[in-house]
């Protein structure tokens, strides 16, 4: 299970992450808004490394600082984004940089991957991958020899990656990072028809893709239908497991999946998530 880093609340972050690091792989990923800070994320990484006694592998993303059109993606832009992340994370060489849900045309533009190869040859990045919205993008990205990982929405409700993407990744020796393995909380089994989400929670305003790809919210499953499906799944969950552990384990039993990004709001959730791996 991946440790999710966020600079929004370092105190909570350290408390939550510290509860899980004894049980998870030494792999962390930045949250969507980490770039607001130049100091808190490096401190969080140092805390995790000290707690575990080994260096953490940190993944981050690039490409969403500009309008989502091809004119935004230039050699200079990618270099600037990578340098900014290096500064924010306090790292001379970024462990893993992922294209952050960019337009499909990016994956049909070899120059983009040539620029990433340049950055890798200069040791600005050690590895690069892609966080995708469409299966087609992942299949195309795997064709580039430098691609190390594909991050994709994959869970009990979103099984399509298992049909073609996961087998292709395994053949190509490309790691799969499963995101939203709990379908934005649906697969925790804790939500109900009366659940109220805060106004700034994407589960309140993006159920039909009003702000960004609908797959990022409840995996593009209608909320009420999702709740009904959860009740159909609940009898399958072993007595000693939670619904969330069952859902995470379902993701991780796929051999092509390297890890899963499961958010946690408190130490008990972090420990429970980690126990599924």
Protein backbone atom coordinates (compact mmCIF):
# COMPACT_ATOMS: atom_id res chain seq x y z
CA UNK A 1 0.00 0.00 0.00
CA UNK A 2 1.34 3.45 -0.91
CA UNK A 3 1.71 6.16 1.72
CA UNK A 4 -0.02 9.33 0.46
CA UNK A 5 1.88 12.53 1.26
CA UNK A 6 0.05 15.84 1.52
CA UNK A 7 1.42 19.18 2.63
CA UNK A 8 -2.04 20.37 3.67
CA UNK A 9 -1.67 19.04 7.21
CA UNK A 10 1.79 17.74 8.01
CA UNK A 11 0.93 16.96 11.63
CA UNK A 12 -1.94 14.66 10.67
CA UNK A 13 0.12 13.29 7.80
CA UNK A 14 2.95 12.27 10.09
CA UNK A 15 0.56 10.75 12.61
CA UNK A 16 -1.28 8.74 9.96
CA UNK A 17 1.72 7.70 7.89
CA UNK A 18 3.80 6.83 10.92
CA UNK A 19 1.18 4.30 11.94
CA UNK A 20 1.48 2.40 8.69
CA UNK A 21 5.15 2.57 7.69
CA UNK A 22 6.09 -0.47 9.72
CA UNK A 23 3.80 -2.57 7.56
CA UNK A 24 3.95 -1.04 4.07
CA UNK A 25 6.54 -0.92 1.34
CA UNK A 26 8.84 2.10 1.40
CA UNK A 27 6.91 3.91 -1.32
CA UNK A 28 5.16 7.26 -1.01
CA UNK A 29 3.33 9.51 -3.45
CA UNK A 30 2.60 13.20 -3.28
CA UNK A 31 -0.96 14.46 -3.00
CA UNK A 32 -2.52 16.63 -5.68
CA UNK A 33 -1.79 19.90 -3.87
CA UNK A 34 1.70 19.22 -2.54
CA UNK A 35 3.31 21.92 -4.69
CA UNK A 36 2.01 24.64 -2.37
CA UNK A 37 4.87 23.79 -0.04
CA UNK A 38 8.63 23.75 -0.38
CA UNK A 39 9.42 22.43 3.08
CA UNK A 40 6.70 20.24 4.60
CA UNK A 41 6.95 17.33 2.17
CA UNK A 42 10.73 16.89 2.59
CA UNK A 43 10.19 16.93 6.37
CA UNK A 44 7.47 14.30 6.07
CA UNK A 45 9.76 12.09 3.96
CA UNK A 46 12.56 12.50 6.49
CA UNK A 47 10.15 11.51 9.25
CA UNK A 48 9.07 8.39 7.37
CA UNK A 49 12.63 7.39 6.56
CA UNK A 50 13.67 7.79 10.19
CA UNK A 51 10.66 5.78 11.35
CA UNK A 52 11.31 2.93 8.93
CA UNK A 53 15.09 3.02 8.89
CA UNK A 54 15.48 3.06 5.11
CA UNK A 55 15.08 5.49 2.24
CA UNK A 56 11.59 6.08 0.90
CA UNK A 57 10.84 5.93 -2.82
CA UNK A 58 8.78 9.01 -3.68
CA UNK A 59 6.53 9.32 -6.74
CA UNK A 60 5.19 12.62 -8.05
CA UNK A 61 3.38 13.97 -11.13
CA UNK A 62 3.83 16.71 -13.73
CA UNK A 63 1.80 18.40 -16.44
CA UNK A 64 -1.25 19.88 -14.74
CA UNK A 65 0.24 23.33 -14.18
CA UNK A 66 -0.71 24.31 -17.72
CA UNK A 67 -3.87 24.30 -19.84
CA UNK A 68 -4.69 20.83 -21.16
CA UNK A 69 -3.73 21.47 -24.77
CA UNK A 70 -0.79 20.25 -26.78
CA UNK A 71 0.75 23.71 -27.11
CA UNK A 72 1.48 23.60 -23.38
CA UNK A 73 3.71 20.56 -23.63
CA UNK A 74 7.18 21.64 -24.66
CA UNK A 75 10.68 20.53 -23.78
CA UNK A 76 11.10 23.66 -21.66
CA UNK A 77 7.80 23.09 -19.85
CA UNK A 78 8.67 19.57 -18.80
CA UNK A 79 12.09 20.69 -17.64
CA UNK A 80 10.54 23.51 -15.62
CA UNK A 81 7.96 21.21 -14.00
CA UNK A 82 10.59 18.64 -13.08
CA UNK A 83 12.91 21.28 -11.64
CA UNK A 84 10.05 22.71 -9.59
CA UNK A 85 9.28 19.26 -8.17
CA UNK A 86 12.95 18.69 -7.38
CA UNK A 87 12.97 21.93 -5.42
CA UNK A 88 9.68 21.26 -3.64
CA UNK A 89 10.72 17.75 -2.65
CA UNK A 90 14.31 18.63 -1.84
CA UNK A 91 15.59 15.93 -4.20
CA UNK A 92 18.39 16.20 -6.74
CA UNK A 93 16.96 13.25 -8.65
CA UNK A 94 13.24 12.51 -8.58
CA UNK A 95 12.54 8.82 -8.01
CA UNK A 96 9.47 8.63 -10.24
CA UNK A 97 7.77 11.33 -12.34
CA UNK A 98 4.38 10.54 -13.85
CA UNK A 99 2.53 12.37 -16.60
CA UNK A 100 -0.59 13.59 -14.79
CA UNK A 101 -3.70 12.58 -16.79
CA UNK A 102 -2.66 14.54 -19.86
CA UNK A 103 -4.55 14.61 -23.19
CA UNK A 104 -4.51 11.38 -25.18
CA UNK A 105 -2.53 13.04 -27.98
CA UNK A 106 0.46 13.28 -25.64
CA UNK A 107 0.91 9.52 -25.87
CA UNK A 108 1.11 9.75 -29.65
CA UNK A 109 3.86 12.38 -29.44
CA UNK A 110 7.27 10.66 -29.28
CA UNK A 111 9.01 13.97 -28.54
CA UNK A 112 7.44 14.03 -25.07
CA UNK A 113 9.05 10.72 -24.19
CA UNK A 114 12.34 11.79 -25.76
CA UNK A 115 12.34 14.83 -23.43
CA UNK A 116 11.70 12.55 -20.46
CA UNK A 117 14.56 10.33 -21.62
CA UNK A 118 16.78 13.43 -21.67
CA UNK A 119 15.83 14.27 -18.10
CA UNK A 120 16.57 10.72 -17.05
CA UNK A 121 19.97 10.75 -18.77
CA UNK A 122 20.76 13.96 -16.89
CA UNK A 123 19.69 12.28 -13.62
CA UNK A 124 16.97 14.85 -13.01
CA UNK A 125 14.63 11.84 -12.82
CA UNK A 126 15.42 8.21 -12.14
CA UNK A 127 12.22 6.79 -13.66
CA UNK A 128 9.12 8.07 -15.40
CA UNK A 129 5.61 6.81 -15.93
CA UNK A 130 2.08 7.93 -16.69
CA UNK A 131 -1.07 8.42 -14.66
CA UNK A 132 -3.84 7.80 -17.17
CA UNK A 133 -7.58 8.30 -17.59
CA UNK A 134 -8.11 5.95 -20.55
CA UNK A 135 -6.93 2.39 -21.19
CA UNK A 136 -5.81 3.42 -24.68
CA UNK A 137 -3.34 5.87 -23.14
CA UNK A 138 -1.79 3.19 -20.98
CA UNK A 139 -1.46 0.73 -23.84
CA UNK A 140 0.21 3.37 -25.99
CA UNK A 141 2.52 4.53 -23.16
CA UNK A 142 3.76 0.98 -22.63
CA UNK A 143 5.12 1.02 -26.18
CA UNK A 144 7.78 3.55 -25.12
CA UNK A 145 10.76 1.65 -23.67
CA UNK A 146 11.43 4.26 -20.97
CA UNK A 147 8.02 3.90 -19.30
CA UNK A 148 8.41 2.34 -15.85
CA UNK A 149 4.89 2.60 -14.41
CA UNK A 150 1.26 3.15 -15.30
CA UNK A 151 -1.11 4.57 -12.70
CA UNK A 152 -4.77 3.77 -13.37
CA UNK A 153 -8.13 3.66 -11.60
CA UNK A 154 -8.62 0.00 -10.72
CA UNK A 155 -11.04 -1.49 -8.22
CA UNK A 156 -13.96 -3.92 -7.90
CA UNK A 157 -16.21 -1.46 -9.73
CA UNK A 158 -13.59 -0.56 -12.35
CA UNK A 159 -12.26 -3.88 -13.62
CA UNK A 160 -11.61 -3.08 -17.27
CA UNK A 161 -7.83 -2.56 -16.83
CA UNK A 162 -7.55 -6.28 -16.08
CA UNK A 163 -8.68 -7.18 -19.60
CA UNK A 164 -5.80 -5.74 -21.65
CA UNK A 165 -3.76 -3.18 -19.70
CA UNK A 166 -2.59 -5.37 -16.85
CA UNK A 167 -1.50 -8.24 -19.12
CA UNK A 168 0.35 -5.79 -21.41
CA UNK A 169 2.08 -4.21 -18.44
CA UNK A 170 3.19 -7.58 -17.17
CA UNK A 171 4.63 -8.54 -20.53
CA UNK A 172 6.41 -5.19 -20.79
CA UNK A 173 7.70 -5.32 -17.21
CA UNK A 174 5.84 -2.09 -16.41
CA UNK A 175 4.60 -1.53 -12.87
CA UNK A 176 0.90 -0.87 -12.24
CA UNK A 177 -0.05 1.62 -9.53
CA UNK A 178 -3.76 1.24 -8.74
CA UNK A 179 -5.43 4.46 -7.70
CA UNK A 180 -8.85 4.92 -6.12
CA UNK A 181 -8.94 1.25 -5.06
CA UNK A 182 -11.82 2.02 -2.69
CA UNK A 183 -13.92 3.88 -5.30
CA UNK A 184 -13.81 7.20 -3.42
CA UNK A 185 -14.97 5.52 -0.24
CA UNK A 186 -17.84 3.45 -1.66
CA UNK A 187 -15.91 0.25 -1.08
CA UNK A 188 -15.25 1.04 2.57
CA UNK A 189 -18.85 0.07 3.22
CA UNK A 190 -19.23 3.12 5.47
CA UNK A 191 -21.19 5.43 3.15
CA UNK A 192 -24.98 5.50 3.08
CA UNK A 193 -27.74 7.39 1.23
CA UNK A 194 -27.72 10.15 3.83
CA UNK A 195 -23.97 10.76 3.75
CA UNK A 196 -23.26 14.49 3.31
CA UNK A 197 -20.02 15.58 1.65
CA UNK A 198 -18.41 18.97 2.18
CA UNK A 199 -18.78 21.47 -0.66
CA UNK A 200 -15.09 21.22 -1.62
CA UNK A 201 -15.21 17.40 -1.70
CA UNK A 202 -15.24 16.14 -5.32
CA UNK A 203 -17.81 13.55 -4.25
CA UNK A 204 -20.24 16.44 -3.88
CA UNK A 205 -19.58 18.23 -7.18
CA UNK A 206 -18.05 15.81 -9.67
CA UNK A 207 -20.33 12.78 -9.75
CA UNK A 208 -20.99 13.21 -13.46
CA UNK A 209 -17.60 14.62 -14.39
CA UNK A 210 -18.60 18.28 -14.02
CA UNK A 211 -15.08 19.35 -12.99
CA UNK A 212 -12.79 16.54 -14.18
CA UNK A 213 -12.92 12.93 -15.34
CA UNK A 214 -15.89 11.16 -13.76
CA UNK A 215 -13.77 8.06 -13.21
CA UNK A 216 -12.00 9.90 -10.40
CA UNK A 217 -15.27 10.11 -8.41
CA UNK A 218 -16.89 6.84 -7.31
CA UNK A 219 -15.19 5.31 -10.38
CA UNK A 220 -18.00 6.78 -12.52
CA UNK A 221 -20.56 4.63 -10.70
CA UNK A 222 -23.88 6.21 -9.75
CA UNK A 223 -23.75 6.77 -5.98
CA UNK A 224 -27.04 5.04 -5.15
CA UNK A 225 -26.31 2.11 -7.47
CA UNK A 226 -22.87 1.85 -5.91
CA UNK A 227 -24.33 1.64 -2.43
CA UNK A 228 -26.64 -1.15 -3.61
CA UNK A 229 -23.70 -3.01 -5.16
CA UNK A 230 -21.73 -2.72 -1.92
CA UNK A 231 -24.54 -4.47 -0.08
CA UNK A 232 -24.37 -7.28 -2.65
CA UNK A 233 -20.63 -7.60 -1.99
CA UNK A 234 -20.81 -7.39 1.80
CA UNK A 235 -21.74 -11.07 2.37
CA UNK A 236 -18.54 -12.10 0.55
CA UNK A 237 -16.30 -10.29 3.04
CA UNK A 238 -14.66 -12.67 5.56
CA UNK A 239 -15.65 -12.03 9.18
CA UNK A 240 -12.12 -11.04 10.15
CA UNK A 241 -11.83 -8.41 7.39
CA UNK A 242 -13.35 -5.01 6.80
CA UNK A 243 -14.96 -4.15 3.49
CA UNK A 244 -12.01 -1.85 2.71
CA UNK A 245 -9.48 -4.61 3.38
CA UNK A 246 -11.44 -6.97 1.15
CA UNK A 247 -11.54 -4.39 -1.67
CA UNK A 248 -7.83 -3.61 -1.36
CA UNK A 249 -6.94 -7.27 -1.32
CA UNK A 250 -8.99 -7.82 -4.47
CA UNK A 251 -6.82 -5.22 -6.22
CA UNK A 252 -3.52 -6.56 -4.90
CA UNK A 253 -4.13 -10.20 -5.83
CA UNK A 254 -3.73 -9.24 -9.48
CA UNK A 255 -0.15 -10.15 -10.23
CA UNK A 256 0.49 -7.16 -12.49
CA UNK A 257 -0.40 -4.67 -9.72
CA UNK A 258 2.68 -3.39 -7.94
CA UNK A 259 0.92 -1.27 -5.33
CA UNK A 260 -2.27 0.65 -4.55
CA UNK A 261 -2.84 4.19 -3.33
CA UNK A 262 -5.28 4.09 -0.43
CA UNK A 263 -5.91 7.31 1.47
CA UNK A 264 -6.33 7.23 5.25
CA UNK A 265 -7.74 9.86 7.59
CA UNK A 266 -6.49 8.44 10.87
CA UNK A 267 -3.92 5.92 12.22
CA UNK A 268 -6.47 3.10 12.55
CA UNK A 269 -7.41 3.40 8.85
CA UNK A 270 -3.73 3.46 7.88
CA UNK A 271 -3.01 0.29 9.86
CA UNK A 272 -6.09 -1.47 8.47
CA UNK A 273 -5.19 -0.54 4.88
CA UNK A 274 -1.61 -1.73 5.38
CA UNK A 275 -2.80 -5.09 6.72
CA UNK A 276 -4.43 -5.85 3.35
CA UNK A 277 -1.05 -6.07 1.62
